[in-house]
Amino acid sequence: METIVLPHLPDHHLQVCLFVKVHNAQFLRQQLLDGNVDFEYAFLDAAVLFSRQHVLAACFRAINDMLQDRLKSNNVHSEIVFSLSPNNNISESFRRFGVSETTTEILAIKVGNDQMQVEEHLRRHVEGQVVPFTNETLTGIRNEARIQKAYRVEISSDQADAFIIGSMALKGS
């Protein structure tokens, strides 16, 4: 588990944990659908995450939208999932970037300061192996075809990360 502090949002820490070989994605998804507040996390399908910057850009936008009272979804965690999308279709964002019943690699994000409590809760309820949240790990996990379909970008391009983040930033402008 890692605590990340975004430079422009020092009061809103991110607790981030990347899991592989997850066996209970269906349970986690059901907790979200049921609105269980104990599972108020951004559970992302790590196969469609290009880089750490990609994820952190979505987190920044979601937290900033929360602070400016501009959330388009239920809470800051669902807004992180929505912020990954290059378009304004919330349900499509959850289909493409959120956890599904068959997801086996999950990035869990919690906006808040209590790392010990978050880590304990995740380790108790996510049946998977924790791995470092690095660009190298994401490269081994990602599904390039799904990323290319979502963003219409050539993954092998040197500017793919900038293009992906730019398409997220321009959404709704």
C-alpha atoms as a PDB file:
ATOM      1  CA  MET A   1       0.000   0.000   0.000  1.00  0.00           C
ATOM      2  CA  GLU A   2       1.220   3.442  -0.844  1.00  0.00           C
ATOM      3  CA  THR A   3       0.211   6.904   0.306  1.00  0.00           C
ATOM      4  CA  ILE A   4       0.411   9.490  -2.460  1.00  0.00           C
ATOM      5  CA  VAL A   5       0.163  13.226  -1.883  1.00  0.00           C
ATOM      6  CA  LEU A   6      -0.696  15.222  -4.983  1.00  0.00           C
ATOM      7  CA  PRO A   7       1.364  18.446  -4.986  1.00  0.00           C
ATOM      8  CA  HIS A   8      -1.607  20.807  -5.440  1.00  0.00           C
ATOM      9  CA  LEU A   9      -3.869  18.904  -3.029  1.00  0.00           C
ATOM     10  CA  PRO A  10      -1.749  18.201   0.069  1.00  0.00           C
ATOM     11  CA  ASP A  11      -4.780  17.795   2.352  1.00  0.00           C
ATOM     12  CA  HIS A  12      -6.277  14.960   0.298  1.00  0.00           C
ATOM     13  CA  HIS A  13      -3.982  11.944   0.510  1.00  0.00           C
ATOM     14  CA  LEU A  14      -4.514   8.960  -1.731  1.00  0.00           C
ATOM     15  CA  GLN A  15      -4.228   5.464  -0.293  1.00  0.00           C
ATOM     16  CA  VAL A  16      -3.402   3.245  -3.259  1.00  0.00           C
ATOM     17  CA  CYS A  17      -3.049  -0.529  -3.441  1.00  0.00           C
ATOM     18  CA  LEU A  18      -2.575  -2.620  -6.576  1.00  0.00           C
ATOM     19  CA  PHE A  19      -3.770  -6.233  -6.490  1.00  0.00           C
ATOM     20  CA  VAL A  20      -3.141  -8.999  -9.019  1.00  0.00           C
ATOM     21  CA  LYS A  21      -4.617 -12.504  -9.196  1.00  0.00           C
ATOM     22  CA  VAL A  22      -7.838 -11.242  -7.603  1.00  0.00           C
ATOM     23  CA  HIS A  23     -10.417 -13.972  -7.045  1.00  0.00           C
ATOM     24  CA  ASN A  24     -13.350 -12.012  -5.629  1.00  0.00           C
ATOM     25  CA  ALA A  25     -13.974  -9.150  -8.040  1.00  0.00           C
ATOM     26  CA  GLN A  26     -17.628 -10.130  -8.226  1.00  0.00           C
ATOM     27  CA  PHE A  27     -17.981  -9.600  -4.446  1.00  0.00           C
ATOM     28  CA  LEU A  28     -16.222  -6.219  -4.602  1.00  0.00           C
ATOM     29  CA  ARG A  29     -18.373  -5.061  -7.509  1.00  0.00           C
ATOM     30  CA  GLN A  30     -21.525  -6.109  -5.672  1.00  0.00           C
ATOM     31  CA  GLN A  31     -20.486  -4.067  -2.626  1.00  0.00           C
ATOM     32  CA  LEU A  32     -20.211  -1.007  -4.865  1.00  0.00           C
ATOM     33  CA  LEU A  33     -23.569  -1.694  -6.525  1.00  0.00           C
ATOM     34  CA  ASP A  34     -25.199  -2.152  -3.114  1.00  0.00           C
ATOM     35  CA  GLY A  35     -23.829   1.218  -1.967  1.00  0.00           C
ATOM     36  CA  ASN A  36     -21.957  -0.333   0.971  1.00  0.00           C
ATOM     37  CA  VAL A  37     -20.164   2.690   2.492  1.00  0.00           C
ATOM     38  CA  ASP A  38     -17.470   0.399   3.919  1.00  0.00           C
ATOM     39  CA  PHE A  39     -16.402  -0.191   0.318  1.00  0.00           C
ATOM     40  CA  GLU A  40     -16.279   3.420  -0.772  1.00  0.00           C
ATOM     41  CA  TYR A  41     -13.179   3.112  -2.936  1.00  0.00           C
ATOM     42  CA  ALA A  42     -12.313   3.670  -6.543  1.00  0.00           C
ATOM     43  CA  PHE A  43     -11.871   0.069  -7.680  1.00  0.00           C
ATOM     44  CA  LEU A  44     -10.232   0.295 -11.107  1.00  0.00           C
ATOM     45  CA  ASP A  45      -9.567  -2.430 -13.636  1.00  0.00           C
ATOM     46  CA  ALA A  46      -5.772  -2.163 -13.814  1.00  0.00           C
ATOM     47  CA  ALA A  47      -5.718  -3.682 -17.319  1.00  0.00           C
ATOM     48  CA  VAL A  48      -6.900  -0.345 -18.763  1.00  0.00           C
ATOM     49  CA  LEU A  49      -4.480   1.879 -16.854  1.00  0.00           C
ATOM     50  CA  PHE A  50      -1.600   3.166 -18.941  1.00  0.00           C
ATOM     51  CA  SER A  51       0.608   4.727 -16.257  1.00  0.00           C
ATOM     52  CA  ARG A  52       0.783   6.194 -12.758  1.00  0.00           C
ATOM     53  CA  GLN A  53       0.388   9.659 -14.296  1.00  0.00           C
ATOM     54  CA  HIS A  54      -2.782   8.510 -16.032  1.00  0.00           C
ATOM     55  CA  VAL A  55      -4.272   7.428 -12.695  1.00  0.00           C
ATOM     56  CA  LEU A  56      -3.034  10.453 -10.744  1.00  0.00           C
ATOM     57  CA  ALA A  57      -4.466  12.830 -13.352  1.00  0.00           C
ATOM     58  CA  ALA A  58      -7.881  11.217 -12.867  1.00  0.00           C
ATOM     59  CA  CYS A  59      -7.527  11.474  -9.082  1.00  0.00           C
ATOM     60  CA  PHE A  60      -6.539  15.145  -9.305  1.00  0.00           C
ATOM     61  CA  ARG A  61      -9.507  15.959 -11.509  1.00  0.00           C
ATOM     62  CA  ALA A  62     -11.945  14.080  -9.264  1.00  0.00           C
ATOM     63  CA  ILE A  63     -10.704  15.694  -6.050  1.00  0.00           C
ATOM     64  CA  ASN A  64     -10.625  19.117  -7.663  1.00  0.00           C
ATOM     65  CA  ASP A  65     -14.191  18.638  -8.930  1.00  0.00           C
ATOM     66  CA  MET A  66     -15.237  17.595  -5.418  1.00  0.00           C
ATOM     67  CA  LEU A  67     -13.650  20.712  -3.903  1.00  0.00           C
ATOM     68  CA  GLN A  68     -15.347  22.913  -6.522  1.00  0.00           C
ATOM     69  CA  ASP A  69     -18.704  21.179  -5.938  1.00  0.00           C
ATOM     70  CA  ARG A  70     -18.780  19.888  -9.551  1.00  0.00           C
ATOM     71  CA  LEU A  71     -19.099  16.127  -9.047  1.00  0.00           C
ATOM     72  CA  LYS A  72     -21.088  14.425 -11.779  1.00  0.00           C
ATOM     73  CA  SER A  73     -21.230  11.100  -9.918  1.00  0.00           C
ATOM     74  CA  ASN A  74     -22.111  10.026  -6.369  1.00  0.00           C
ATOM     75  CA  ASN A  75     -18.784  10.635  -4.621  1.00  0.00           C
ATOM     76  CA  VAL A  76     -15.119  11.374  -5.195  1.00  0.00           C
ATOM     77  CA  HIS A  77     -14.298   7.671  -5.617  1.00  0.00           C
ATOM     78  CA  SER A  78     -16.813   7.093  -8.405  1.00  0.00           C
ATOM     79  CA  GLU A  79     -15.651  10.411  -9.880  1.00  0.00           C
ATOM     80  CA  ILE A  80     -12.123   8.969 -10.174  1.00  0.00           C
ATOM     81  CA  VAL A  81     -13.518   6.160 -12.343  1.00  0.00           C
ATOM     82  CA  PHE A  82     -15.491   8.686 -14.390  1.00  0.00           C
ATOM     83  CA  SER A  83     -12.457  10.987 -14.734  1.00  0.00           C
ATOM     84  CA  LEU A  84     -10.508   8.272 -16.550  1.00  0.00           C
ATOM     85  CA  SER A  85     -12.947   8.415 -19.445  1.00  0.00           C
ATOM     86  CA  PRO A  86     -12.393  10.586 -22.501  1.00  0.00           C
ATOM     87  CA  ASN A  87     -16.172  11.122 -22.828  1.00  0.00           C
ATOM     88  CA  ASN A  88     -19.097  12.180 -20.614  1.00  0.00           C
ATOM     89  CA  ASN A  89     -20.933   8.845 -20.457  1.00  0.00           C
ATOM     90  CA  ILE A  90     -20.789   7.787 -16.796  1.00  0.00           C
ATOM     91  CA  SER A  91     -22.096   4.244 -17.305  1.00  0.00           C
ATOM     92  CA  GLU A  92     -19.596   3.641 -20.118  1.00  0.00           C
ATOM     93  CA  SER A  93     -16.823   4.886 -17.810  1.00  0.00           C
ATOM     94  CA  PHE A  94     -17.740   2.263 -15.231  1.00  0.00           C
ATOM     95  CA  ARG A  95     -17.913  -0.481 -17.874  1.00  0.00           C
ATOM     96  CA  ARG A  96     -14.501   0.398 -19.294  1.00  0.00           C
ATOM     97  CA  PHE A  97     -12.528   1.424 -16.214  1.00  0.00           C
ATOM     98  CA  GLY A  98     -14.349   0.039 -13.191  1.00  0.00           C
ATOM     99  CA  VAL A  99     -14.142  -3.400 -11.684  1.00  0.00           C
ATOM    100  CA  SER A 100     -16.189  -6.105 -13.403  1.00  0.00           C
ATOM    101  CA  GLU A 101     -17.047  -9.627 -12.306  1.00  0.00           C
ATOM    102  CA  THR A 102     -14.092 -10.996 -14.279  1.00  0.00           C
ATOM    103  CA  THR A 103     -11.451  -8.425 -13.321  1.00  0.00           C
ATOM    104  CA  THR A 104      -8.268 -10.039 -12.004  1.00  0.00           C
ATOM    105  CA  GLU A 105      -6.058  -6.938 -11.507  1.00  0.00           C
ATOM    106  CA  ILE A 106      -7.512  -4.170  -9.369  1.00  0.00           C
ATOM    107  CA  LEU A 107      -6.164  -0.799  -8.341  1.00  0.00           C
ATOM    108  CA  ALA A 108      -7.942   0.315  -5.175  1.00  0.00           C
ATOM    109  CA  ILE A 109      -7.865   4.026  -4.323  1.00  0.00           C
ATOM    110  CA  LYS A 110      -9.192   5.695  -1.198  1.00  0.00           C
ATOM    111  CA  VAL A 111      -9.128   9.460  -0.734  1.00  0.00           C
ATOM    112  CA  GLY A 112      -8.305   9.967   2.928  1.00  0.00           C
ATOM    113  CA  ASN A 113      -5.553  10.008   5.496  1.00  0.00           C
ATOM    114  CA  ASP A 114      -5.906   6.772   7.487  1.00  0.00           C
ATOM    115  CA  GLN A 115      -3.524   4.378   5.735  1.00  0.00           C
ATOM    116  CA  MET A 116      -3.534   1.699   8.436  1.00  0.00           C
ATOM    117  CA  GLN A 117      -7.329   1.372   8.473  1.00  0.00           C
ATOM    118  CA  VAL A 118      -7.582   1.328   4.667  1.00  0.00           C
ATOM    119  CA  GLU A 119      -4.797  -1.210   4.265  1.00  0.00           C
ATOM    120  CA  GLU A 120      -6.291  -3.499   6.906  1.00  0.00           C
ATOM    121  CA  HIS A 121      -9.745  -3.316   5.289  1.00  0.00           C
ATOM    122  CA  LEU A 122      -8.436  -4.004   1.786  1.00  0.00           C
ATOM    123  CA  ARG A 123      -6.219  -6.900   2.837  1.00  0.00           C
ATOM    124  CA  ARG A 124      -9.155  -8.453   4.698  1.00  0.00           C
ATOM    125  CA  HIS A 125     -11.627  -8.139   1.791  1.00  0.00           C
ATOM    126  CA  VAL A 126      -9.638  -8.285  -1.460  1.00  0.00           C
ATOM    127  CA  GLU A 127      -8.516 -11.812  -2.296  1.00  0.00           C
ATOM    128  CA  GLY A 128      -5.405 -11.076  -4.298  1.00  0.00           C
ATOM    129  CA  GLN A 129      -1.692 -10.446  -4.188  1.00  0.00           C
ATOM    130  CA  VAL A 130      -0.404  -6.918  -3.488  1.00  0.00           C
ATOM    131  CA  VAL A 131       2.205  -5.637  -5.959  1.00  0.00           C
ATOM    132  CA  PRO A 132       3.938  -2.252  -6.296  1.00  0.00           C
ATOM    133  CA  PHE A 133       1.998   0.498  -8.068  1.00  0.00           C
ATOM    134  CA  THR A 134       4.699   1.320 -10.625  1.00  0.00           C
ATOM    135  CA  ASN A 135       4.754   2.003 -14.338  1.00  0.00           C
ATOM    136  CA  GLU A 136       6.682  -1.243 -14.806  1.00  0.00           C
ATOM    137  CA  THR A 137       3.986  -3.255 -13.035  1.00  0.00           C
ATOM    138  CA  LEU A 138       1.217  -1.533 -15.004  1.00  0.00           C
ATOM    139  CA  THR A 139       3.039  -2.240 -18.275  1.00  0.00           C
ATOM    140  CA  GLY A 140       2.964  -5.957 -17.475  1.00  0.00           C
ATOM    141  CA  ILE A 141      -0.736  -5.856 -16.580  1.00  0.00           C
ATOM    142  CA  ARG A 142      -2.235  -3.577 -19.190  1.00  0.00           C
ATOM    143  CA  ASN A 143      -4.370  -4.698 -22.072  1.00  0.00           C
ATOM    144  CA  GLU A 144      -3.161  -2.526 -24.933  1.00  0.00           C
ATOM    145  CA  ALA A 145      -6.116  -3.325 -27.191  1.00  0.00           C
ATOM    146  CA  ARG A 146      -8.595  -2.121 -24.547  1.00  0.00           C
ATOM    147  CA  ILE A 147      -6.585   1.068 -23.919  1.00  0.00           C
ATOM    148  CA  GLN A 148      -6.342   1.780 -27.650  1.00  0.00           C
ATOM    149  CA  LYS A 149     -10.086   1.259 -28.015  1.00  0.00           C
ATOM    150  CA  ALA A 150     -10.908   3.561 -25.082  1.00  0.00           C
ATOM    151  CA  TYR A 151      -8.620   6.421 -26.114  1.00  0.00           C
ATOM    152  CA  ARG A 152      -8.042   5.798 -29.831  1.00  0.00           C
ATOM    153  CA  VAL A 153      -4.298   6.079 -29.330  1.00  0.00           C
ATOM    154  CA  GLU A 154      -1.331   4.031 -30.496  1.00  0.00           C
ATOM    155  CA  ILE A 155       0.155   2.648 -27.278  1.00  0.00           C
ATOM    156  CA  SER A 156       3.652   2.356 -28.754  1.00  0.00           C
ATOM    157  CA  SER A 157       3.766   6.117 -29.359  1.00  0.00           C
ATOM    158  CA  ASP A 158       6.150   8.141 -27.188  1.00  0.00           C
ATOM    159  CA  GLN A 159       3.335  10.610 -26.570  1.00  0.00           C
ATOM    160  CA  ALA A 160       0.626   8.074 -25.651  1.00  0.00           C
ATOM    161  CA  ASP A 161       0.593   9.098 -21.972  1.00  0.00           C
ATOM    162  CA  ALA A 162       0.262  12.799 -22.849  1.00  0.00           C
ATOM    163  CA  PHE A 163      -2.465  12.076 -25.395  1.00  0.00           C
ATOM    164  CA  ILE A 164      -4.450   9.955 -22.920  1.00  0.00           C
ATOM    165  CA  ILE A 165      -4.211  12.555 -20.150  1.00  0.00           C
ATOM    166  CA  GLY A 166      -5.046  15.328 -22.610  1.00  0.00           C
ATOM    167  CA  SER A 167      -8.164  13.538 -23.803  1.00  0.00           C
ATOM    168  CA  MET A 168      -9.283  13.162 -20.175  1.00  0.00           C
ATOM    169  CA  ALA A 169      -8.584  16.833 -19.462  1.00  0.00           C
ATOM    170  CA  LEU A 170     -10.521  18.063 -22.494  1.00  0.00           C
ATOM    171  CA  LYS A 171     -13.653  16.066 -21.606  1.00  0.00           C
ATOM    172  CA  GLY A 172     -16.519  18.443 -21.063  1.00  0.00           C
ATOM    173  CA  SER A 173     -14.646  21.548 -22.114  1.00  0.00           C
END
